[in-house]
Amino acid sequence: MSTTAADWIAIAKQVAANPFVKIACPNCSEGYLQILIVPWENNEPKVDVHLICEHCGTRNTITKEAEVVGSVSNGNAFG
């Protein structure tokens, strides 16, 4: 199965609505995507959402605006 940009956009919308969602891999349909959310290290309110299939290794990264949810001592206060 070929993964298209539309597939990844649909997945990004699901993750934005619920970062704990369980999503089948759009490439192999046999594994699920692991979701790793990493805040940017500068002061921009953005995060990279890394999506990696546990079965076939297909991966994609989505960069999105993050919401500031409070302050913490290391400055990484993104949701």
N, C-alpha and C. Protein backbone atom coordinates (compact mmCIF):
# COMPACT_ATOMS: atom_id res chain seq x y z
N MET A 1 0.85 -1.18 0.00
CA MET A 1 0.00 0.00 0.00
C MET A 1 0.89 1.24 0.00
N SER A 2 0.55 2.22 -0.79
CA SER A 2 1.33 3.45 -0.87
C SER A 2 0.73 4.52 0.03
N THR A 3 1.58 5.12 0.85
CA THR A 3 1.14 6.16 1.76
C THR A 3 1.17 7.50 1.03
N THR A 4 0.10 8.26 1.14
CA THR A 4 0.03 9.55 0.47
C THR A 4 0.07 10.68 1.50
N ALA A 5 0.29 11.89 0.99
CA ALA A 5 0.26 13.07 1.87
C ALA A 5 -1.10 13.19 2.55
N ALA A 6 -2.15 12.85 1.83
CA ALA A 6 -3.50 12.93 2.42
C ALA A 6 -3.64 11.98 3.61
N ASP A 7 -3.01 10.80 3.53
CA ASP A 7 -3.04 9.86 4.66
C ASP A 7 -2.41 10.49 5.89
N TRP A 8 -1.24 11.10 5.72
CA TRP A 8 -0.52 11.70 6.84
C TRP A 8 -1.24 12.92 7.38
N ILE A 9 -1.90 13.69 6.52
CA ILE A 9 -2.68 14.84 6.98
C ILE A 9 -3.84 14.37 7.84
N ALA A 10 -4.51 13.31 7.41
CA ALA A 10 -5.61 12.75 8.20
C ALA A 10 -5.11 12.25 9.56
N ILE A 11 -3.94 11.63 9.57
CA ILE A 11 -3.35 11.15 10.82
C ILE A 11 -2.99 12.33 11.71
N ALA A 12 -2.43 13.40 11.14
CA ALA A 12 -2.07 14.59 11.92
C ALA A 12 -3.30 15.17 12.60
N LYS A 13 -4.43 15.18 11.91
CA LYS A 13 -5.67 15.69 12.50
C LYS A 13 -6.12 14.83 13.66
N GLN A 14 -5.96 13.51 13.54
CA GLN A 14 -6.33 12.61 14.63
C GLN A 14 -5.45 12.83 15.85
N VAL A 15 -4.14 12.98 15.61
CA VAL A 15 -3.20 13.18 16.72
C VAL A 15 -3.45 14.53 17.38
N ALA A 16 -3.78 15.56 16.60
CA ALA A 16 -4.07 16.88 17.16
C ALA A 16 -5.29 16.82 18.08
N ALA A 17 -6.26 16.02 17.70
CA ALA A 17 -7.48 15.89 18.51
C ALA A 17 -7.23 15.06 19.77
N ASN A 18 -6.35 14.06 19.66
CA ASN A 18 -6.08 13.16 20.78
C ASN A 18 -4.69 12.55 20.61
N PRO A 19 -3.67 13.06 21.33
CA PRO A 19 -2.32 12.53 21.16
C PRO A 19 -2.13 11.10 21.67
N PHE A 20 -3.16 10.53 22.29
CA PHE A 20 -3.08 9.16 22.80
C PHE A 20 -3.82 8.17 21.91
N VAL A 21 -4.25 8.63 20.74
CA VAL A 21 -5.02 7.80 19.82
C VAL A 21 -4.17 6.63 19.31
N LYS A 22 -4.80 5.51 19.04
CA LYS A 22 -4.13 4.34 18.48
C LYS A 22 -4.43 4.31 16.98
N ILE A 23 -3.37 4.48 16.16
CA ILE A 23 -3.56 4.61 14.71
C ILE A 23 -2.81 3.48 14.00
N ALA A 24 -3.52 2.76 13.15
CA ALA A 24 -2.88 1.71 12.34
C ALA A 24 -1.96 2.38 11.32
N CYS A 25 -0.87 1.71 11.01
CA CYS A 25 0.08 2.23 10.04
C CYS A 25 -0.58 2.34 8.66
N PRO A 26 -0.47 3.52 8.03
CA PRO A 26 -1.08 3.67 6.71
C PRO A 26 -0.28 2.97 5.61
N ASN A 27 0.92 2.51 5.94
CA ASN A 27 1.77 1.85 4.95
C ASN A 27 1.55 0.33 4.94
N CYS A 28 1.64 -0.31 6.12
CA CYS A 28 1.54 -1.78 6.16
C CYS A 28 0.22 -2.29 6.74
N SER A 29 -0.49 -1.47 7.49
CA SER A 29 -1.76 -1.82 8.14
C SER A 29 -1.62 -2.97 9.14
N GLU A 30 -0.39 -3.36 9.47
CA GLU A 30 -0.18 -4.46 10.40
C GLU A 30 0.31 -3.99 11.76
N GLY A 31 0.91 -2.82 11.81
CA GLY A 31 1.41 -2.28 13.07
C GLY A 31 0.68 -0.99 13.41
N TYR A 32 1.03 -0.45 14.55
CA TYR A 32 0.47 0.82 14.99
C TYR A 32 1.56 1.87 15.06
N LEU A 33 1.17 3.11 14.90
CA LEU A 33 2.14 4.20 14.94
C LEU A 33 2.45 4.57 16.39
N GLN A 34 3.72 4.62 16.69
CA GLN A 34 4.18 5.16 17.96
C GLN A 34 4.23 6.67 17.79
N ILE A 35 3.78 7.40 18.80
CA ILE A 35 3.72 8.85 18.72
C ILE A 35 4.67 9.43 19.76
N LEU A 36 5.63 10.22 19.30
CA LEU A 36 6.59 10.88 20.18
C LEU A 36 6.51 12.37 19.92
N ILE A 37 6.14 13.14 20.94
CA ILE A 37 5.99 14.59 20.81
C ILE A 37 7.19 15.26 21.47
N VAL A 38 7.94 16.04 20.67
CA VAL A 38 9.17 16.66 21.15
C VAL A 38 9.06 18.18 21.00
N PRO A 39 9.13 18.93 22.12
CA PRO A 39 9.09 20.39 22.02
C PRO A 39 10.36 20.92 21.36
N TRP A 40 10.21 22.03 20.63
CA TRP A 40 11.38 22.69 20.07
C TRP A 40 12.22 23.23 21.21
N GLU A 41 13.53 23.30 21.01
CA GLU A 41 14.41 23.73 22.09
C GLU A 41 14.59 25.24 22.20
N ASN A 42 14.05 26.00 21.27
CA ASN A 42 14.11 27.45 21.40
C ASN A 42 12.81 27.94 22.01
N ASN A 43 12.56 29.21 21.96
CA ASN A 43 11.36 29.76 22.60
C ASN A 43 10.13 29.74 21.71
N GLU A 44 10.21 29.14 20.54
CA GLU A 44 9.03 29.06 19.68
C GLU A 44 8.06 28.02 20.22
N PRO A 45 6.78 28.35 20.24
CA PRO A 45 5.79 27.39 20.76
C PRO A 45 5.41 26.35 19.70
N LYS A 46 6.37 25.49 19.37
CA LYS A 46 6.13 24.44 18.38
C LYS A 46 6.62 23.10 18.91
N VAL A 47 6.06 22.04 18.36
CA VAL A 47 6.50 20.70 18.69
C VAL A 47 6.65 19.91 17.39
N ASP A 48 7.53 18.93 17.41
CA ASP A 48 7.61 17.94 16.33
C ASP A 48 6.92 16.69 16.82
N VAL A 49 6.01 16.19 16.01
CA VAL A 49 5.29 14.95 16.33
C VAL A 49 5.87 13.87 15.42
N HIS A 50 6.63 12.95 16.02
CA HIS A 50 7.26 11.86 15.27
C HIS A 50 6.31 10.67 15.30
N LEU A 51 6.02 10.12 14.13
CA LEU A 51 5.14 8.96 13.97
C LEU A 51 5.97 7.83 13.37
N ILE A 52 6.05 6.69 14.08
CA ILE A 52 6.89 5.58 13.65
C ILE A 52 6.10 4.28 13.79
N CYS A 53 6.03 3.51 12.70
CA CYS A 53 5.33 2.23 12.75
C CYS A 53 6.17 1.21 13.49
N GLU A 54 5.56 0.54 14.44
CA GLU A 54 6.25 -0.47 15.24
C GLU A 54 6.52 -1.75 14.44
N HIS A 55 5.85 -1.89 13.29
CA HIS A 55 5.99 -3.12 12.51
C HIS A 55 6.95 -2.95 11.33
N CYS A 56 6.68 -1.96 10.47
CA CYS A 56 7.48 -1.83 9.24
C CYS A 56 8.51 -0.70 9.27
N GLY A 57 8.43 0.15 10.30
CA GLY A 57 9.41 1.22 10.42
C GLY A 57 9.09 2.49 9.64
N THR A 58 7.96 2.53 8.95
CA THR A 58 7.57 3.75 8.25
C THR A 58 7.53 4.88 9.25
N ARG A 59 8.00 6.06 8.82
CA ARG A 59 8.01 7.19 9.75
C ARG A 59 7.67 8.49 9.04
N ASN A 60 7.20 9.43 9.83
CA ASN A 60 6.91 10.77 9.35
C ASN A 60 7.00 11.70 10.55
N THR A 61 7.30 12.96 10.29
CA THR A 61 7.37 13.97 11.34
C THR A 61 6.48 15.14 10.94
N ILE A 62 5.67 15.57 11.88
CA ILE A 62 4.78 16.69 11.67
C ILE A 62 5.18 17.78 12.66
N THR A 63 5.36 19.01 12.18
CA THR A 63 5.64 20.13 13.06
C THR A 63 4.35 20.91 13.23
N LYS A 64 4.02 21.23 14.48
CA LYS A 64 2.77 21.96 14.73
C LYS A 64 2.96 22.98 15.83
N GLU A 65 2.08 23.96 15.82
CA GLU A 65 2.05 24.96 16.88
C GLU A 65 1.62 24.26 18.16
N ALA A 66 2.21 24.66 19.27
CA ALA A 66 1.84 24.08 20.56
C ALA A 66 1.18 25.13 21.42
N GLU A 67 0.36 24.68 22.34
CA GLU A 67 -0.27 25.59 23.28
C GLU A 67 0.61 25.69 24.51
N VAL A 68 0.80 26.90 25.01
CA VAL A 68 1.51 27.07 26.27
C VAL A 68 0.53 26.72 27.37
N VAL A 69 0.92 25.75 28.23
CA VAL A 69 0.00 25.27 29.26
C VAL A 69 0.41 25.66 30.66
N GLY A 70 1.50 26.35 30.80
CA GLY A 70 1.97 26.76 32.11
C GLY A 70 3.46 26.99 32.05
N SER A 71 4.06 27.27 33.16
CA SER A 71 5.51 27.48 33.15
C SER A 71 6.17 26.41 34.00
N VAL A 72 7.32 26.00 33.56
CA VAL A 72 8.12 25.03 34.29
C VAL A 72 9.55 25.55 34.34
N SER A 73 10.35 25.01 35.22
CA SER A 73 11.68 25.56 35.46
C SER A 73 12.60 25.50 34.26
N ASN A 74 12.46 24.51 33.37
CA ASN A 74 13.37 24.42 32.22
C ASN A 74 12.85 25.17 31.00
N GLY A 75 11.70 25.81 31.09
CA GLY A 75 11.17 26.61 29.98
C GLY A 75 10.37 25.81 28.98
N ASN A 76 10.28 24.51 29.10
CA ASN A 76 9.51 23.70 28.15
C ASN A 76 8.09 23.52 28.66
N ALA A 77 7.27 24.51 28.37
CA ALA A 77 5.88 24.48 28.86
C ALA A 77 4.90 24.37 27.71
N PHE A 78 5.07 23.35 26.91
CA PHE A 78 4.22 23.20 25.74
C PHE A 78 3.33 21.98 25.89
N GLY A 79 2.12 22.07 25.31
CA GLY A 79 1.18 20.95 25.35
C GLY A 79 1.03 20.35 24.00
